[in-house]
Amino acid sequence: MVTPEQLKSWIDAGFDNAEVTVEGDGHHFEAVIVAKEFEGKTRIQRHQLVYAALGDKMKAEVHALSMKTLAPGEQA
């Protein structure tokens, strides 16, 4: 079973100095990700960056992920 800490580390690995918080029960997760890579991107583009960071883990190991993706300075 995936832990919130594992998911956080996988997301962290895909971004440069992102602020990532993850909560969840092993199947359903909520993440807040603040990353400079999101600047100038639409919500869909931001989510695509997170999915790219997770790769195949999103298909096999993570059942559901709700996320807030913010650029530095944006309000949660």
Protein backbone atom coordinates (compact mmCIF):
# COMPACT_ATOMS: atom_id res chain seq x y z
CA MET A 1 0.00 0.00 0.00
CA VAL A 2 1.27 3.47 -0.91
CA THR A 3 1.84 5.89 1.95
CA PRO A 4 1.40 9.67 1.76
CA GLU A 5 5.16 9.98 2.34
CA GLN A 6 5.94 7.78 -0.68
CA LEU A 7 3.59 9.74 -2.90
CA LYS A 8 5.12 13.00 -1.68
CA SER A 9 8.62 11.76 -2.53
CA TRP A 10 7.53 10.70 -6.03
CA ILE A 11 6.00 14.11 -6.70
CA ASP A 12 9.02 15.91 -5.18
CA ALA A 13 11.32 14.03 -7.55
CA GLY A 14 9.54 15.54 -10.56
CA PHE A 15 9.92 19.17 -9.53
CA ASP A 16 12.71 21.54 -8.54
CA ASN A 17 12.21 22.78 -4.96
CA ALA A 18 8.43 22.27 -4.85
CA GLU A 19 6.46 22.50 -1.63
CA VAL A 20 4.41 19.30 -1.45
CA THR A 21 1.96 18.11 1.20
CA VAL A 22 0.07 14.84 0.84
CA GLU A 23 -2.63 13.27 2.97
CA GLY A 24 -4.40 10.01 2.33
CA ASP A 25 -5.40 6.52 3.36
CA GLY A 26 -3.32 4.43 0.97
CA HIS A 27 -5.88 4.52 -1.84
CA HIS A 28 -7.27 8.07 -1.96
CA PHE A 29 -4.92 11.02 -1.63
CA GLU A 30 -5.08 14.81 -1.49
CA ALA A 31 -2.01 16.80 -2.47
CA VAL A 32 -1.14 20.48 -2.43
CA ILE A 33 1.78 21.26 -4.70
CA VAL A 34 3.41 24.67 -5.00
CA ALA A 35 5.98 24.77 -7.80
CA LYS A 36 7.57 27.39 -10.01
CA GLU A 37 7.00 25.04 -12.97
CA PHE A 38 3.28 25.88 -12.72
CA GLU A 39 3.76 29.58 -13.50
CA GLY A 40 1.86 30.54 -16.65
CA LYS A 41 0.24 27.09 -16.95
CA THR A 42 -3.46 26.21 -16.98
CA ARG A 43 -4.89 23.88 -14.34
CA ILE A 44 -4.90 21.02 -16.84
CA GLN A 45 -1.27 21.64 -17.81
CA ARG A 46 -0.30 21.71 -14.13
CA HIS A 47 -2.04 18.39 -13.49
CA GLN A 48 -0.33 16.90 -16.54
CA LEU A 49 3.05 17.86 -15.05
CA VAL A 50 2.14 16.03 -11.83
CA TYR A 51 0.94 12.97 -13.75
CA ALA A 52 4.21 13.01 -15.74
CA ALA A 53 6.18 13.09 -12.47
CA LEU A 54 4.24 10.07 -11.21
CA GLY A 55 4.48 8.13 -14.48
CA ASP A 56 3.13 4.59 -14.33
CA LYS A 57 2.66 4.81 -10.56
CA MET A 58 -0.56 6.72 -11.23
CA LYS A 59 -1.95 3.78 -13.18
CA ALA A 60 -0.91 0.99 -10.84
CA GLU A 61 -0.21 2.23 -7.32
CA VAL A 62 -2.34 5.35 -6.79
CA HIS A 63 -6.09 4.81 -7.01
CA ALA A 64 -7.26 8.42 -6.67
CA LEU A 65 -5.43 11.73 -6.37
CA SER A 66 -7.08 15.08 -5.74
CA MET A 67 -4.65 17.96 -6.09
CA LYS A 68 -4.29 21.68 -5.77
CA THR A 69 -1.51 22.94 -8.00
CA LEU A 70 -0.25 26.43 -7.30
CA ALA A 71 2.55 28.66 -8.51
CA PRO A 72 4.52 30.47 -5.79
CA GLY A 73 2.52 33.42 -4.47
CA GLU A 74 -0.90 32.00 -5.38
CA GLN A 75 -3.42 31.39 -2.62
CA ALA A 76 -4.54 27.86 -1.77
